[in-house]
Amino acid sequence: MLATDDEILRQAEAWKRGGRNVAIATVVETWGSAPRPVGSHLVIDGEGNFLGSVSGGCVEGAVVTEALDVIESAKPRILEFGVADETAWQVGLSCGGRIKVYVEPLE
């Protein structure tokens, strides 16, 4: 069962209050078939712990990895995932859709 937005944001706040570095990833755009709707969240701490979902599978792992870089640099970024012929079996959306995910450090 997926965590609710309230649970995800409460966890982000708790981690931050506990002294952890935190990033929040949010689906900001989808096209075609996408596993999670716009507005879906994933919260990640500096140790790689996470709660929520922005996609699933390899995409989710890539978002966590990028979030760790965002935490370290303190600079937000936009990530895009989809299927291109040459990358269909790498990190992507095998369902044929595309998503954009905004990852930002929690200040």
C-alpha atoms as a PDB file:
ATOM      1  CA  MET A   1       0.000   0.000   0.000  1.00  0.00           C
ATOM      2  CA  LEU A   2       1.346   3.422  -0.941  1.00  0.00           C
ATOM      3  CA  ALA A   3       1.815   6.117   1.671  1.00  0.00           C
ATOM      4  CA  THR A   4      -0.513   9.115   1.474  1.00  0.00           C
ATOM      5  CA  ASP A   5       0.765  12.590   0.625  1.00  0.00           C
ATOM      6  CA  ASP A   6       0.216  13.625   4.250  1.00  0.00           C
ATOM      7  CA  GLU A   7       2.292  10.679   5.532  1.00  0.00           C
ATOM      8  CA  ILE A   8       5.083  11.421   3.051  1.00  0.00           C
ATOM      9  CA  LEU A   9       5.263  15.107   3.940  1.00  0.00           C
ATOM     10  CA  ARG A  10       5.046  14.387   7.691  1.00  0.00           C
ATOM     11  CA  GLN A  11       7.967  11.976   7.319  1.00  0.00           C
ATOM     12  CA  ALA A  12       9.987  14.623   5.464  1.00  0.00           C
ATOM     13  CA  GLU A  13       9.311  17.071   8.279  1.00  0.00           C
ATOM     14  CA  ALA A  14      10.222  14.509  10.957  1.00  0.00           C
ATOM     15  CA  TRP A  15      13.471  13.597   9.215  1.00  0.00           C
ATOM     16  CA  LYS A  16      14.381  17.277   8.838  1.00  0.00           C
ATOM     17  CA  ARG A  17      13.573  18.007  12.509  1.00  0.00           C
ATOM     18  CA  GLY A  18      15.721  14.985  13.402  1.00  0.00           C
ATOM     19  CA  GLY A  19      18.727  16.596  11.727  1.00  0.00           C
ATOM     20  CA  ARG A  20      18.668  14.646   8.477  1.00  0.00           C
ATOM     21  CA  ASN A  21      19.223  16.174   5.056  1.00  0.00           C
ATOM     22  CA  VAL A  22      16.104  15.658   2.949  1.00  0.00           C
ATOM     23  CA  ALA A  23      14.963  15.989  -0.663  1.00  0.00           C
ATOM     24  CA  ILE A  24      11.456  15.799  -2.082  1.00  0.00           C
ATOM     25  CA  ALA A  25      10.753  14.460  -5.571  1.00  0.00           C
ATOM     26  CA  THR A  26       7.448  15.385  -7.217  1.00  0.00           C
ATOM     27  CA  VAL A  27       5.948  14.243 -10.521  1.00  0.00           C
ATOM     28  CA  VAL A  28       5.332  17.515 -12.382  1.00  0.00           C
ATOM     29  CA  GLU A  29       4.356  16.238 -15.827  1.00  0.00           C
ATOM     30  CA  THR A  30       3.271  13.002 -17.485  1.00  0.00           C
ATOM     31  CA  TRP A  31       2.609  11.997 -21.065  1.00  0.00           C
ATOM     32  CA  GLY A  32       1.008   8.769 -22.220  1.00  0.00           C
ATOM     33  CA  SER A  33       0.943   5.857 -19.824  1.00  0.00           C
ATOM     34  CA  ALA A  34       2.618   6.727 -16.514  1.00  0.00           C
ATOM     35  CA  PRO A  35       2.673   4.690 -13.289  1.00  0.00           C
ATOM     36  CA  ARG A  36       1.977   7.652 -10.953  1.00  0.00           C
ATOM     37  CA  PRO A  37      -0.035  10.855 -11.508  1.00  0.00           C
ATOM     38  CA  VAL A  38       1.163  14.447 -11.425  1.00  0.00           C
ATOM     39  CA  GLY A  39       1.638  15.529  -7.815  1.00  0.00           C
ATOM     40  CA  SER A  40       2.940  12.172  -6.567  1.00  0.00           C
ATOM     41  CA  HIS A  41       5.766  12.522  -4.037  1.00  0.00           C
ATOM     42  CA  LEU A  42       8.860  10.626  -2.929  1.00  0.00           C
ATOM     43  CA  VAL A  43      10.837  11.875   0.080  1.00  0.00           C
ATOM     44  CA  ILE A  44      14.484  10.835   0.422  1.00  0.00           C
ATOM     45  CA  ASP A  45      16.960  11.381   3.251  1.00  0.00           C
ATOM     46  CA  GLY A  46      20.734  11.715   2.951  1.00  0.00           C
ATOM     47  CA  GLU A  47      21.225   8.033   3.788  1.00  0.00           C
ATOM     48  CA  GLY A  48      19.008   6.866   0.920  1.00  0.00           C
ATOM     49  CA  ASN A  49      15.946   6.044   3.022  1.00  0.00           C
ATOM     50  CA  PHE A  50      12.733   6.943   1.198  1.00  0.00           C
ATOM     51  CA  LEU A  51       8.968   6.961   1.435  1.00  0.00           C
ATOM     52  CA  GLY A  52       6.395   7.417  -1.315  1.00  0.00           C
ATOM     53  CA  SER A  53       6.514   6.783  -5.042  1.00  0.00           C
ATOM     54  CA  VAL A  54       6.979   8.727  -8.264  1.00  0.00           C
ATOM     55  CA  SER A  55       7.146   5.784 -10.651  1.00  0.00           C
ATOM     56  CA  GLY A  56       8.476   2.379  -9.644  1.00  0.00           C
ATOM     57  CA  GLY A  57      11.257  -0.003 -10.560  1.00  0.00           C
ATOM     58  CA  CYS A  58      14.464   1.336 -12.065  1.00  0.00           C
ATOM     59  CA  VAL A  59      13.085   4.868 -12.425  1.00  0.00           C
ATOM     60  CA  GLU A  60      12.454   5.098  -8.692  1.00  0.00           C
ATOM     61  CA  GLY A  61      16.016   3.930  -7.993  1.00  0.00           C
ATOM     62  CA  ALA A  62      17.385   6.556 -10.369  1.00  0.00           C
ATOM     63  CA  VAL A  63      15.325   9.275  -8.650  1.00  0.00           C
ATOM     64  CA  VAL A  64      16.714   8.253  -5.244  1.00  0.00           C
ATOM     65  CA  THR A  65      20.274   8.388  -6.623  1.00  0.00           C
ATOM     66  CA  GLU A  66      19.683  11.829  -8.163  1.00  0.00           C
ATOM     67  CA  ALA A  67      18.054  13.026  -4.925  1.00  0.00           C
ATOM     68  CA  LEU A  68      21.232  12.183  -3.019  1.00  0.00           C
ATOM     69  CA  ASP A  69      23.134  14.448  -5.442  1.00  0.00           C
ATOM     70  CA  VAL A  70      20.512  17.180  -4.958  1.00  0.00           C
ATOM     71  CA  ILE A  71      20.938  16.910  -1.178  1.00  0.00           C
ATOM     72  CA  GLU A  72      24.713  17.197  -1.507  1.00  0.00           C
ATOM     73  CA  SER A  73      24.656  20.119  -3.963  1.00  0.00           C
ATOM     74  CA  ALA A  74      21.587  21.856  -2.498  1.00  0.00           C
ATOM     75  CA  LYS A  75      20.507  22.549  -6.102  1.00  0.00           C
ATOM     76  CA  PRO A  76      17.147  21.340  -7.438  1.00  0.00           C
ATOM     77  CA  ARG A  77      16.838  19.626 -10.798  1.00  0.00           C
ATOM     78  CA  ILE A  78      14.273  18.297 -13.242  1.00  0.00           C
ATOM     79  CA  LEU A  79      14.568  14.653 -14.279  1.00  0.00           C
ATOM     80  CA  GLU A  80      12.928  13.190 -17.377  1.00  0.00           C
ATOM     81  CA  PHE A  81      12.245   9.521 -17.981  1.00  0.00           C
ATOM     82  CA  GLY A  82      10.775   7.766 -20.992  1.00  0.00           C
ATOM     83  CA  VAL A  83      11.497   5.099 -23.563  1.00  0.00           C
ATOM     84  CA  ALA A  84      13.720   5.776 -26.533  1.00  0.00           C
ATOM     85  CA  ASP A  85      14.601   2.990 -28.972  1.00  0.00           C
ATOM     86  CA  GLU A  86      18.235   2.871 -27.864  1.00  0.00           C
ATOM     87  CA  THR A  87      17.411   2.947 -24.138  1.00  0.00           C
ATOM     88  CA  ALA A  88      14.259   0.842 -23.957  1.00  0.00           C
ATOM     89  CA  TRP A  89      15.873  -1.720 -21.662  1.00  0.00           C
ATOM     90  CA  GLN A  90      17.732   0.745 -19.448  1.00  0.00           C
ATOM     91  CA  VAL A  91      16.137   3.121 -16.948  1.00  0.00           C
ATOM     92  CA  GLY A  92      12.874   4.156 -18.563  1.00  0.00           C
ATOM     93  CA  LEU A  93       9.185   3.583 -18.718  1.00  0.00           C
ATOM     94  CA  SER A  94       8.485   0.367 -20.540  1.00  0.00           C
ATOM     95  CA  CYS A  95       4.801   1.379 -20.714  1.00  0.00           C
ATOM     96  CA  GLY A  96       5.717   3.910 -23.406  1.00  0.00           C
ATOM     97  CA  GLY A  97       4.966   7.021 -21.359  1.00  0.00           C
ATOM     98  CA  ARG A  98       7.159   9.859 -20.139  1.00  0.00           C
ATOM     99  CA  ILE A  99       7.391  11.643 -16.820  1.00  0.00           C
ATOM    100  CA  LYS A 100       9.147  14.710 -15.460  1.00  0.00           C
ATOM    101  CA  VAL A 101      10.150  14.736 -11.807  1.00  0.00           C
ATOM    102  CA  TYR A 102      11.251  17.847  -9.907  1.00  0.00           C
ATOM    103  CA  VAL A 103      13.711  17.056  -7.120  1.00  0.00           C
ATOM    104  CA  GLU A 104      14.419  19.756  -4.534  1.00  0.00           C
ATOM    105  CA  PRO A 105      16.286  19.893  -1.243  1.00  0.00           C
ATOM    106  CA  LEU A 106      14.136  20.565   1.803  1.00  0.00           C
ATOM    107  CA  GLU A 107      15.447  23.709   3.476  1.00  0.00           C
END
